[in-house]
Amino acid sequence: MQTDPLLPNIIAIPSLVDGTVVEMTFSRRNLFRAVIIRSFQGLFRIRRDRWDVFDFEIIGKGYWSQDDQGSTLTDTIEIARVLAREKLSETSDGYDDKS
């Protein structure tokens, strides 16, 4: 009997050793998230994760996996938010600006 993959866990916060998570922004269907991280040096880093269910039949759950090839850096939270939305708009799931 086939079980549907778990829905994306939108409350899971990534574990980091080089900073703290400031915010997370999600794509339309929550399949991608942009994570804004503040480094210990005070810079903001943006990375994009995707909800991964590739190994669901083996491990029985989905997980967040980094989707982009590195991070984007900036020095203000305002620019970090713009860059996070841009990273999400590049995905197949897109981003709707609800503001």
C-alpha atoms as a PDB file:
ATOM      1  CA  MET A   1       0.000   0.000   0.000  1.00  0.00           C
ATOM      2  CA  GLN A   2       1.484   3.339  -1.116  1.00  0.00           C
ATOM      3  CA  THR A   3       1.533   6.093   1.527  1.00  0.00           C
ATOM      4  CA  ASP A   4       1.533   9.730   0.446  1.00  0.00           C
ATOM      5  CA  PRO A   5       4.663  11.681   1.358  1.00  0.00           C
ATOM      6  CA  LEU A   6       4.407  13.916   4.381  1.00  0.00           C
ATOM      7  CA  LEU A   7       3.384  17.488   3.855  1.00  0.00           C
ATOM      8  CA  PRO A   8       6.196  20.024   4.204  1.00  0.00           C
ATOM      9  CA  ASN A   9       7.127  20.756   7.800  1.00  0.00           C
ATOM     10  CA  ILE A  10       6.953  24.555   7.834  1.00  0.00           C
ATOM     11  CA  ILE A  11       7.864  24.887  11.509  1.00  0.00           C
ATOM     12  CA  ALA A  12      11.161  22.989  11.318  1.00  0.00           C
ATOM     13  CA  ILE A  13      14.072  25.385  11.855  1.00  0.00           C
ATOM     14  CA  PRO A  14      17.460  24.437  10.402  1.00  0.00           C
ATOM     15  CA  SER A  15      20.303  23.683  12.802  1.00  0.00           C
ATOM     16  CA  LEU A  16      23.239  25.999  12.190  1.00  0.00           C
ATOM     17  CA  VAL A  17      26.746  26.351  13.564  1.00  0.00           C
ATOM     18  CA  ASP A  18      27.580  29.675  11.929  1.00  0.00           C
ATOM     19  CA  GLY A  19      24.629  31.908  12.787  1.00  0.00           C
ATOM     20  CA  THR A  20      20.972  32.082  13.749  1.00  0.00           C
ATOM     21  CA  VAL A  21      17.800  31.838  11.686  1.00  0.00           C
ATOM     22  CA  VAL A  22      16.062  35.221  11.491  1.00  0.00           C
ATOM     23  CA  GLU A  23      13.142  34.387   9.165  1.00  0.00           C
ATOM     24  CA  MET A  24      11.850  31.816   6.729  1.00  0.00           C
ATOM     25  CA  THR A  25       9.730  32.625   3.670  1.00  0.00           C
ATOM     26  CA  PHE A  26       7.879  29.918   1.771  1.00  0.00           C
ATOM     27  CA  SER A  27       6.865  29.327  -1.835  1.00  0.00           C
ATOM     28  CA  ARG A  28       3.198  29.069  -2.898  1.00  0.00           C
ATOM     29  CA  ARG A  29       2.722  25.435  -1.906  1.00  0.00           C
ATOM     30  CA  ASN A  30       5.426  25.431   0.801  1.00  0.00           C
ATOM     31  CA  LEU A  31       7.663  23.134  -1.261  1.00  0.00           C
ATOM     32  CA  PHE A  32      10.572  25.601  -1.088  1.00  0.00           C
ATOM     33  CA  ARG A  33      11.721  27.952   1.632  1.00  0.00           C
ATOM     34  CA  ALA A  34      14.195  30.795   1.746  1.00  0.00           C
ATOM     35  CA  VAL A  35      16.016  30.924   5.059  1.00  0.00           C
ATOM     36  CA  ILE A  36      17.481  34.227   6.244  1.00  0.00           C
ATOM     37  CA  ILE A  37      20.412  33.627   8.575  1.00  0.00           C
ATOM     38  CA  ARG A  38      22.310  36.234  10.549  1.00  0.00           C
ATOM     39  CA  SER A  39      25.980  35.323  10.857  1.00  0.00           C
ATOM     40  CA  PHE A  40      27.954  35.970  14.016  1.00  0.00           C
ATOM     41  CA  GLN A  41      29.710  38.748  12.052  1.00  0.00           C
ATOM     42  CA  GLY A  42      26.359  40.516  11.531  1.00  0.00           C
ATOM     43  CA  LEU A  43      25.827  39.734   7.836  1.00  0.00           C
ATOM     44  CA  PHE A  44      22.619  38.224   6.501  1.00  0.00           C
ATOM     45  CA  ARG A  45      22.848  35.080   4.418  1.00  0.00           C
ATOM     46  CA  ILE A  46      19.994  33.702   2.335  1.00  0.00           C
ATOM     47  CA  ARG A  47      19.773  30.071   1.329  1.00  0.00           C
ATOM     48  CA  ARG A  48      17.013  28.140  -0.400  1.00  0.00           C
ATOM     49  CA  ASP A  49      15.818  24.703   0.738  1.00  0.00           C
ATOM     50  CA  ARG A  50      13.373  22.325  -0.916  1.00  0.00           C
ATOM     51  CA  TRP A  51      11.078  19.775   0.667  1.00  0.00           C
ATOM     52  CA  ASP A  52      12.615  16.439  -0.293  1.00  0.00           C
ATOM     53  CA  VAL A  53      10.585  13.225  -0.358  1.00  0.00           C
ATOM     54  CA  PHE A  54      12.900  11.259  -2.661  1.00  0.00           C
ATOM     55  CA  ASP A  55      13.791   8.715   0.066  1.00  0.00           C
ATOM     56  CA  PHE A  56      10.323   8.627   1.631  1.00  0.00           C
ATOM     57  CA  GLU A  57       9.827   4.903   1.023  1.00  0.00           C
ATOM     58  CA  ILE A  58      13.124   4.172   2.805  1.00  0.00           C
ATOM     59  CA  ILE A  59      13.163   6.638   5.705  1.00  0.00           C
ATOM     60  CA  GLY A  60       9.423   7.233   6.041  1.00  0.00           C
ATOM     61  CA  LYS A  61       9.533  11.011   6.103  1.00  0.00           C
ATOM     62  CA  GLY A  62      10.396  14.107   4.122  1.00  0.00           C
ATOM     63  CA  TYR A  63      13.122  16.573   5.017  1.00  0.00           C
ATOM     64  CA  TRP A  64      14.438  19.995   4.035  1.00  0.00           C
ATOM     65  CA  SER A  65      17.429  19.864   1.712  1.00  0.00           C
ATOM     66  CA  GLN A  66      19.512  22.847   0.586  1.00  0.00           C
ATOM     67  CA  ASP A  67      18.492  23.546  -3.000  1.00  0.00           C
ATOM     68  CA  ASP A  68      20.806  26.294  -4.203  1.00  0.00           C
ATOM     69  CA  GLN A  69      24.535  26.294  -4.901  1.00  0.00           C
ATOM     70  CA  GLY A  70      25.572  28.455  -2.005  1.00  0.00           C
ATOM     71  CA  SER A  71      24.307  31.452  -0.183  1.00  0.00           C
ATOM     72  CA  THR A  72      23.686  35.086  -0.952  1.00  0.00           C
ATOM     73  CA  LEU A  73      25.107  37.687   1.456  1.00  0.00           C
ATOM     74  CA  THR A  74      23.892  41.179   2.325  1.00  0.00           C
ATOM     75  CA  ASP A  75      24.191  43.619   5.197  1.00  0.00           C
ATOM     76  CA  THR A  76      20.525  44.565   5.799  1.00  0.00           C
ATOM     77  CA  ILE A  77      17.417  42.569   6.623  1.00  0.00           C
ATOM     78  CA  GLU A  78      15.382  44.546   4.071  1.00  0.00           C
ATOM     79  CA  ILE A  79      17.631  43.490   1.197  1.00  0.00           C
ATOM     80  CA  ALA A  80      17.745  39.948   2.604  1.00  0.00           C
ATOM     81  CA  ARG A  81      13.943  39.768   2.365  1.00  0.00           C
ATOM     82  CA  VAL A  82      13.990  40.947  -1.260  1.00  0.00           C
ATOM     83  CA  LEU A  83      16.665  38.381  -2.128  1.00  0.00           C
ATOM     84  CA  ALA A  84      14.720  35.620  -0.351  1.00  0.00           C
ATOM     85  CA  ARG A  85      11.619  36.374  -2.455  1.00  0.00           C
ATOM     86  CA  GLU A  86      13.768  36.374  -5.610  1.00  0.00           C
ATOM     87  CA  LYS A  87      15.202  32.957  -4.719  1.00  0.00           C
ATOM     88  CA  LEU A  88      11.671  31.585  -4.300  1.00  0.00           C
ATOM     89  CA  SER A  89      10.397  33.133  -7.524  1.00  0.00           C
ATOM     90  CA  GLU A  90      13.092  31.146  -9.387  1.00  0.00           C
ATOM     91  CA  THR A  91      11.565  27.817  -8.294  1.00  0.00           C
ATOM     92  CA  SER A  92       8.916  25.706 -10.000  1.00  0.00           C
ATOM     93  CA  ASP A  93       6.611  26.495  -7.060  1.00  0.00           C
ATOM     94  CA  GLY A  94       7.099  30.258  -7.341  1.00  0.00           C
ATOM     95  CA  TYR A  95       6.310  32.965  -4.841  1.00  0.00           C
ATOM     96  CA  ASP A  96       3.277  35.205  -4.439  1.00  0.00           C
ATOM     97  CA  ASP A  97       3.873  38.556  -2.815  1.00  0.00           C
ATOM     98  CA  LYS A  98       0.842  38.905  -0.581  1.00  0.00           C
ATOM     99  CA  SER A  99       1.798  42.342   0.742  1.00  0.00           C
END
